[in-house]
Amino acid sequence: MSTTEQLWTAIIDGDEYAAVGAVFAAADAGTPCEEILLDVIAPVQQRVGAEWAANRITVAQEHVATAINDRVIAALAHHPACRPTASAGRVTVACVDGEWHALPARLLAEVLRLRGWQVDFLGAQVPTPHLIAHLHQTGPDAVALSCMIPTRLPTAHAAITACQAAGVPVLAGGAAFGADGRFARLLGADGWAPDARAAAAHLQQGMPRHTAGRPHQPIDDLPHLVDQEYTMVSGTAGQLVKATIVELEEQFPAMQDYSEEQRQRTVEDIAHIVDFLATALYTDDDALFADFVTWTADILTARGVPAASLHPALQSLATQLSEFPRAQRLLAAARSALRPATIDEAASA
C-alpha cells in the first residue's frame, strides 16, 4: 500500500498515530519532506473535501481528518530529515480574516521553512489590523496571503491594500483567487501562485517592496463599485434572505412542515447564495456566481435534493433586485448555467 493510501486509511479511521507513522516511514525511507507534504498530505486533504462534497463522509469525519492531517504536518516538521539548513529571508504566511481553511497555508509555511525561509505562520482568520501590526514588528520580505472562500475576497482586497500601504508586497494564493489567479490580479496583489511550489519559486525570485503609507481605496482598483450595488446587496443581505424564504414558503407550502433542521439548512443555503452574489458584484465576475450556483446544485443532488429547487430562490432575488442591472446580469448567468443540470435531473427522473 502506498504512503498516500496508508495516510488516507488512517485519517478516515481517526488514527492519528498510524497517520504519523505512515509519513515518518516515508521520510525514513528517503522520500523528501517537501514531496511528502505536497504529493501525499495535500492530495489526501483534497480527497477529504471531494468525499465530503459527494456525501460519502460526514462533516464530523471531514473535521477529524483535517485535524489529523494538521497534526501530521506538525509532527513531520520535527523529523530529522525535515530540518532546513539555509537562510532565504523572512516571510509571513496568513489566512484572510474569516478564512478558516488553514491547511493550505500551513503546507506552504512548511515548504518555505524547508527551503530556508524564516516563516511567521499566523494561521486562520487573521484580522487585518493584527496582520499589519505584525508586519510593523517583524518587517518581513513578503506576505503570503491565503484565501480559499471567494466570499472573503473583499476582505482580502482590504488586507492586500493594507499590507502594501505598510510597505510589504503580497503574494496571493488559494482557490478564492481563481484557478488562473484573475482575482489576485484584479485586487492588486503583487503576485499569485497556484500552489506551494510555485509560491516558493516566486518568493525566491524576490518581490519589490512598496512605499509605505500610499493612499488607496477599493474603487481605485474596481471602478464598477461606484454604482453601489455591492454595498446595497451586502448591507441588506439579511433582509434579502428573509424575503426569499417567505416567498419560497408561499410557493411551496410543504416548506411550512420542514423540521427546524431542514429550515435552518434552507436559510443557510439562501444566505450563501446572497453572499456569493454580493462578492460577484464586488468583482463584477459572472463566472464566480454561476460556478457557485452549479457547485451548490451538485452538493444538493448528492444529498438527494433536486437542483431545480435553486431556480425559485434565484428568481426571488431577481425580483427583489429588479433595479440592480449588474445583479440582474449575474442572476441570469447563474440561471443559464444551472439549466443543463436541471435538464439532466429531469431526464434521469
Protein backbone atom coordinates (compact mmCIF):
# COMPACT_ATOMS: atom_id res chain seq x y z
CA MET A 1 0.00 0.00 0.00
CA SER A 2 1.32 3.45 -0.94
CA THR A 3 2.01 6.12 1.67
CA THR A 4 -0.93 8.09 0.31
CA GLU A 5 -3.32 5.17 0.81
CA GLN A 6 -1.90 4.45 4.26
CA LEU A 7 -2.48 8.06 5.27
CA TRP A 8 -6.00 8.06 3.81
CA THR A 9 -6.94 4.90 5.67
CA ALA A 10 -5.51 6.25 8.92
CA ILE A 11 -7.31 9.59 8.84
CA ILE A 12 -10.65 8.03 7.88
CA ASP A 13 -10.20 5.61 10.79
CA GLY A 14 -9.36 8.58 13.03
CA ASP A 15 -5.99 7.02 13.87
CA GLU A 16 -3.50 9.84 14.35
CA TYR A 17 -0.67 7.53 15.37
CA ALA A 18 -1.00 5.43 12.22
CA ALA A 19 -1.13 8.62 10.14
CA VAL A 20 2.09 9.97 11.65
CA GLY A 21 3.69 6.55 11.38
CA ALA A 22 2.94 6.41 7.64
CA VAL A 23 4.62 9.72 6.83
CA PHE A 24 7.54 9.07 9.20
CA ALA A 25 8.17 5.74 7.48
CA ALA A 26 8.27 7.55 4.14
CA ALA A 27 10.74 10.12 5.50
CA ASP A 28 12.88 7.37 7.00
CA ALA A 29 12.92 5.65 3.60
CA GLY A 30 14.30 8.78 1.97
CA THR A 31 11.23 10.41 0.49
CA PRO A 32 11.92 14.19 0.51
CA CYS A 33 9.84 16.01 3.10
CA GLU A 34 8.51 18.50 0.56
CA GLU A 35 7.29 15.60 -1.53
CA ILE A 36 5.51 14.10 1.48
CA LEU A 37 3.82 17.44 2.16
CA LEU A 38 2.70 18.21 -1.37
CA ASP A 39 2.37 14.82 -3.04
CA VAL A 40 0.99 12.81 -0.12
CA ILE A 41 -0.68 15.00 2.50
CA ALA A 42 -2.09 17.63 0.13
CA PRO A 43 -3.80 15.12 -2.22
CA VAL A 44 -5.22 13.25 0.75
CA GLN A 45 -6.71 16.50 2.05
CA GLN A 46 -8.17 17.25 -1.38
CA ARG A 47 -9.73 13.80 -1.34
CA VAL A 48 -11.30 14.60 2.03
CA GLY A 49 -13.03 17.62 0.50
CA ALA A 50 -14.18 15.66 -2.54
CA GLU A 51 -15.59 12.85 -0.41
CA TRP A 52 -17.49 15.35 1.74
CA ALA A 53 -18.91 17.07 -1.36
CA ALA A 54 -20.07 13.71 -2.70
CA ASN A 55 -21.77 12.99 0.65
CA ARG A 56 -19.61 9.91 1.23
CA ILE A 57 -18.19 11.19 4.52
CA THR A 58 -19.85 13.34 7.17
CA VAL A 59 -18.93 16.83 8.30
CA ALA A 60 -17.61 15.29 11.52
CA GLN A 61 -15.38 12.87 9.60
CA GLU A 62 -14.11 15.75 7.48
CA HIS A 63 -13.20 17.72 10.60
CA VAL A 64 -11.45 14.75 12.20
CA ALA A 65 -9.47 14.02 9.04
CA THR A 66 -8.41 17.65 8.65
CA ALA A 67 -7.35 17.89 12.29
CA ILE A 68 -5.25 14.74 11.97
CA ASN A 69 -3.60 16.00 8.80
CA ASP A 70 -2.73 19.23 10.57
CA ARG A 71 -1.09 17.32 13.42
CA VAL A 72 0.72 15.08 10.92
CA ILE A 73 2.25 18.19 9.32
CA ALA A 74 3.33 19.46 12.73
CA ALA A 75 4.90 16.13 13.62
CA LEU A 76 6.71 15.88 10.28
CA ALA A 77 8.31 19.28 10.86
CA HIS A 78 10.26 17.75 13.75
CA HIS A 79 11.53 14.75 11.80
CA PRO A 80 15.34 14.90 11.48
CA ALA A 81 15.09 14.71 7.68
CA CYS A 82 12.90 17.84 7.60
CA ARG A 83 15.22 20.34 9.23
CA PRO A 84 16.15 23.29 6.96
CA THR A 85 19.75 24.43 6.73
CA ALA A 86 19.75 27.54 4.52
CA SER A 87 18.52 31.08 5.22
CA ALA A 88 16.47 32.71 2.47
CA GLY A 89 14.77 35.61 4.24
CA ARG A 90 11.63 36.18 6.29
CA VAL A 91 8.02 35.76 5.18
CA THR A 92 4.65 35.99 6.90
CA VAL A 93 2.02 33.40 5.96
CA ALA A 94 -1.55 34.19 6.98
CA CYS A 95 -5.17 33.46 6.12
CA VAL A 96 -7.54 36.32 5.40
CA ASP A 97 -9.88 37.29 8.22
CA GLY A 98 -12.89 34.96 8.11
CA GLU A 99 -10.94 32.24 6.28
CA TRP A 100 -10.86 29.12 8.46
CA HIS A 101 -9.31 26.73 5.92
CA ALA A 102 -5.76 26.97 7.23
CA LEU A 103 -4.26 23.71 5.95
CA PRO A 104 -3.18 25.01 2.51
CA ALA A 105 -1.41 27.94 4.18
CA ARG A 106 0.13 25.56 6.70
CA LEU A 107 1.52 23.40 3.90
CA LEU A 108 3.01 26.47 2.24
CA ALA A 109 4.59 27.59 5.51
CA GLU A 110 6.28 24.20 5.95
CA VAL A 111 7.53 24.15 2.35
CA LEU A 112 9.02 27.61 2.79
CA ARG A 113 10.71 26.53 6.03
CA LEU A 114 12.22 23.55 4.21
CA ARG A 115 13.57 25.95 1.61
CA GLY A 116 15.27 28.05 4.25
CA TRP A 117 12.80 30.83 4.96
CA GLN A 118 12.13 32.15 8.44
CA VAL A 119 8.35 31.80 8.49
CA ASP A 120 5.83 33.52 10.73
CA PHE A 121 2.72 31.38 10.31
CA LEU A 122 -0.23 33.30 11.73
CA GLY A 123 -2.87 30.66 10.99
CA ALA A 124 -6.55 31.02 10.18
CA GLN A 125 -8.80 34.09 10.34
CA VAL A 126 -6.20 36.78 10.91
CA PRO A 127 -7.81 40.23 11.42
CA THR A 128 -6.15 42.73 9.10
CA PRO A 129 -5.17 45.19 11.89
CA HIS A 130 -3.37 42.35 13.71
CA LEU A 131 -1.62 41.33 10.49
CA ILE A 132 -0.41 44.88 9.89
CA ALA A 133 0.81 45.21 13.48
CA HIS A 134 2.81 42.02 12.99
CA LEU A 135 4.36 43.37 9.78
CA HIS A 136 5.45 46.54 11.52
CA GLN A 137 7.03 44.49 14.31
CA THR A 138 8.86 41.97 12.12
CA GLY A 139 9.48 43.64 8.74
CA PRO A 140 9.20 40.52 6.52
CA ASP A 141 10.27 40.43 2.89
CA ALA A 142 6.74 39.50 1.83
CA VAL A 143 3.32 38.33 2.96
CA ALA A 144 1.83 35.13 1.57
CA LEU A 145 -1.92 35.65 1.91
CA SER A 146 -4.22 32.63 1.65
CA CYS A 147 -7.92 32.76 0.79
CA MET A 148 -9.98 29.69 -0.07
CA ILE A 149 -13.56 31.02 0.26
CA PRO A 150 -14.48 33.51 -2.50
CA THR A 151 -16.84 35.44 -0.23
CA ARG A 152 -13.74 36.62 1.65
CA LEU A 153 -12.34 38.38 -1.43
CA PRO A 154 -13.48 41.87 -0.34
CA THR A 155 -11.67 41.28 2.96
CA ALA A 156 -8.65 40.00 1.05
CA HIS A 157 -8.65 43.19 -1.02
CA ALA A 158 -8.53 45.30 2.13
CA ALA A 159 -5.72 43.15 3.52
CA ILE A 160 -3.69 43.38 0.31
CA THR A 161 -4.06 47.15 0.25
CA ALA A 162 -3.16 47.48 3.93
CA CYS A 163 -0.04 45.29 3.60
CA GLN A 164 1.15 47.30 0.62
CA ALA A 165 0.49 50.53 2.49
CA ALA A 166 2.78 49.13 5.21
CA GLY A 167 5.45 48.67 2.55
CA VAL A 168 5.22 44.86 2.28
CA PRO A 169 4.47 43.07 -1.04
CA VAL A 170 1.72 40.45 -1.14
CA LEU A 171 1.80 37.03 -2.78
CA ALA A 172 -1.76 35.72 -3.07
CA GLY A 173 -2.77 32.07 -3.16
CA GLY A 174 -5.75 29.82 -2.60
CA ALA A 175 -8.82 28.74 -4.52
CA ALA A 176 -10.69 32.00 -3.91
CA PHE A 177 -8.29 33.91 -6.16
CA GLY A 178 -9.34 31.76 -9.12
CA ALA A 179 -7.69 28.84 -10.87
CA ASP A 180 -5.99 31.36 -13.16
CA GLY A 181 -5.27 33.95 -10.45
CA ARG A 182 -7.58 36.51 -12.03
CA PHE A 183 -8.88 37.81 -8.72
CA ALA A 184 -5.36 38.21 -7.33
CA ARG A 185 -4.60 40.47 -10.28
CA LEU A 186 -7.95 42.26 -10.03
CA LEU A 187 -7.38 43.06 -6.37
CA GLY A 188 -3.86 44.33 -6.92
CA ALA A 189 -1.74 41.58 -5.34
CA ASP A 190 1.95 41.77 -6.27
CA GLY A 191 1.98 38.12 -7.26
CA TRP A 192 -0.09 34.97 -7.41
CA ALA A 193 0.84 31.32 -7.19
CA PRO A 194 -1.34 28.29 -7.98
CA ASP A 195 0.45 26.02 -5.50
CA ALA A 196 3.13 25.90 -2.83
CA ARG A 197 6.00 25.07 -5.19
CA ALA A 198 5.12 27.99 -7.45
CA ALA A 199 4.79 30.27 -4.41
CA ALA A 200 8.23 29.26 -3.13
CA ALA A 201 9.73 29.88 -6.56
CA HIS A 202 8.04 33.29 -6.81
CA LEU A 203 9.34 34.36 -3.40
CA GLN A 204 12.83 33.11 -4.24
CA GLN A 205 12.90 35.45 -7.23
CA GLY A 206 12.20 38.37 -4.91
CA MET A 207 9.32 40.84 -4.71
CA PRO A 208 9.75 44.63 -4.83
CA ARG A 209 8.75 46.48 -1.69
CA HIS A 210 6.18 49.27 -1.63
CA THR A 211 6.46 52.80 -0.40
CA ALA A 212 4.77 52.76 2.99
CA GLY A 213 1.73 54.91 3.53
CA ARG A 214 0.50 55.31 -0.05
CA PRO A 215 -3.26 56.07 -0.04
CA HIS A 216 -5.50 53.58 -1.83
CA GLN A 217 -9.22 52.79 -1.97
CA PRO A 218 -11.09 49.77 -3.39
CA ILE A 219 -12.68 51.92 -6.08
CA ASP A 220 -9.18 52.72 -7.37
CA ASP A 221 -8.97 49.08 -8.49
CA LEU A 222 -12.67 48.43 -9.06
CA PRO A 223 -14.40 51.40 -10.65
CA HIS A 224 -17.62 49.41 -11.09
CA LEU A 225 -18.18 49.76 -7.34
CA VAL A 226 -19.33 53.33 -7.97
CA ASP A 227 -22.85 52.00 -8.71
CA GLN A 228 -23.19 50.94 -5.04
CA GLU A 229 -24.80 47.59 -5.95
CA TYR A 230 -22.28 45.66 -3.87
CA THR A 231 -22.82 47.96 -0.89
CA MET A 232 -26.61 47.73 -1.13
CA VAL A 233 -26.75 43.94 -1.55
CA SER A 234 -24.17 43.17 1.15
CA GLY A 235 -25.80 45.67 3.51
CA THR A 236 -29.28 44.18 3.09
CA ALA A 237 -28.26 40.51 2.88
CA GLY A 238 -30.32 39.54 5.94
CA GLN A 239 -33.45 41.16 4.54
CA LEU A 240 -32.93 39.51 1.14
CA VAL A 241 -32.65 36.09 2.78
CA LYS A 242 -35.79 36.58 4.89
CA ALA A 243 -37.83 37.81 1.94
CA THR A 244 -36.68 34.90 -0.21
CA ILE A 245 -37.66 32.37 2.47
CA VAL A 246 -41.11 33.96 2.83
CA GLU A 247 -41.66 33.82 -0.92
CA LEU A 248 -40.49 30.20 -1.13
CA GLU A 249 -42.89 29.22 1.66
CA GLU A 250 -45.73 30.87 -0.26
CA GLN A 251 -44.83 28.99 -3.45
CA PHE A 252 -44.13 25.69 -1.71
CA PRO A 253 -46.50 25.20 1.27
CA ALA A 254 -44.70 21.93 2.09
CA MET A 255 -41.83 24.06 3.44
CA GLN A 256 -44.04 25.01 6.37
CA ASP A 257 -43.78 21.40 7.52
CA TYR A 258 -39.98 21.44 7.47
CA SER A 259 -38.22 20.42 10.63
CA GLU A 260 -36.15 23.07 12.36
CA GLU A 261 -33.00 21.48 10.95
CA GLN A 262 -34.38 21.46 7.38
CA ARG A 263 -35.46 25.08 7.67
CA GLN A 264 -32.09 26.13 9.08
CA ARG A 265 -30.27 24.43 6.22
CA THR A 266 -32.50 26.18 3.70
CA VAL A 267 -31.83 29.55 5.31
CA GLU A 268 -28.09 28.83 5.27
CA ASP A 269 -28.21 27.87 1.58
CA ILE A 270 -30.02 31.09 0.66
CA ALA A 271 -27.59 33.12 2.78
CA HIS A 272 -24.63 31.58 0.94
CA ILE A 273 -26.25 32.43 -2.40
CA VAL A 274 -26.69 36.07 -1.34
CA ASP A 275 -23.12 36.26 -0.03
CA PHE A 276 -21.74 34.92 -3.31
CA LEU A 277 -23.94 37.30 -5.29
CA ALA A 278 -22.52 40.21 -3.29
CA THR A 279 -18.96 39.00 -3.89
CA ALA A 280 -19.63 38.64 -7.61
CA LEU A 281 -20.88 42.23 -7.60
CA TYR A 282 -17.65 43.26 -5.87
CA THR A 283 -15.51 41.55 -8.51
CA ASP A 284 -18.02 42.06 -11.37
CA ASP A 285 -17.47 38.46 -12.41
CA ASP A 286 -20.34 36.36 -13.80
CA ALA A 287 -18.46 33.06 -13.53
CA LEU A 288 -17.79 33.44 -9.81
CA PHE A 289 -21.51 33.40 -9.02
CA ALA A 290 -22.53 30.91 -11.71
CA ASP A 291 -19.82 28.46 -10.63
CA PHE A 292 -21.02 28.65 -7.02
CA VAL A 293 -24.63 28.02 -8.02
CA THR A 294 -23.73 24.97 -10.13
CA TRP A 295 -21.47 23.69 -7.32
CA THR A 296 -24.37 24.09 -4.90
CA ALA A 297 -26.57 22.17 -7.32
CA ASP A 298 -24.07 19.30 -7.28
CA ILE A 299 -23.96 19.32 -3.47
CA LEU A 300 -27.77 19.30 -3.23
CA THR A 301 -28.03 16.48 -5.77
CA ALA A 302 -25.53 14.39 -3.79
CA ARG A 303 -27.76 14.86 -0.76
CA GLY A 304 -30.96 13.87 -2.58
CA VAL A 305 -32.30 17.44 -3.02
CA PRO A 306 -33.38 18.41 -6.57
CA ALA A 307 -31.08 21.02 -8.14
CA ALA A 308 -34.18 22.60 -9.71
CA SER A 309 -35.07 23.87 -6.22
CA LEU A 310 -32.50 26.63 -6.72
CA HIS A 311 -34.47 28.29 -9.54
CA PRO A 312 -37.24 29.78 -7.34
CA ALA A 313 -34.65 31.27 -4.98
CA LEU A 314 -32.75 32.86 -7.87
CA GLN A 315 -35.98 34.19 -9.34
CA SER A 316 -36.99 35.67 -5.98
CA LEU A 317 -33.69 37.50 -5.72
CA ALA A 318 -34.05 38.75 -9.29
CA THR A 319 -37.47 40.18 -8.42
CA GLN A 320 -36.19 41.85 -5.27
CA LEU A 321 -33.20 43.33 -7.11
CA SER A 322 -35.07 44.41 -10.22
CA GLU A 323 -33.44 47.85 -10.17
CA PHE A 324 -29.88 46.48 -9.99
CA PRO A 325 -28.66 45.86 -13.57
CA ARG A 326 -25.41 44.10 -12.65
CA ALA A 327 -27.21 41.83 -10.18
CA GLN A 328 -29.75 41.00 -12.89
CA ARG A 329 -26.93 40.05 -15.24
CA LEU A 330 -25.28 37.81 -12.64
CA LEU A 331 -28.54 36.08 -11.72
CA ALA A 332 -29.40 35.49 -15.37
CA ALA A 333 -25.97 33.95 -15.99
CA ALA A 334 -26.40 31.66 -12.97
CA ARG A 335 -29.85 30.52 -14.09
CA SER A 336 -28.46 29.79 -17.55
CA ALA A 337 -25.57 27.78 -16.07
CA LEU A 338 -27.96 25.87 -13.81
CA ARG A 339 -30.33 24.89 -16.63
CA PRO A 340 -28.28 21.95 -18.01
CA ALA A 341 -28.09 20.43 -14.52
CA THR A 342 -31.85 20.59 -14.09
CA ILE A 343 -32.45 19.18 -17.59
CA ASP A 344 -30.20 16.21 -16.76
CA GLU A 345 -32.05 15.85 -13.47
CA ALA A 346 -35.42 15.73 -15.20
CA ALA A 347 -34.16 13.22 -17.77
CA SER A 348 -32.97 10.82 -15.08
CA ALA A 349 -36.17 11.09 -13.07
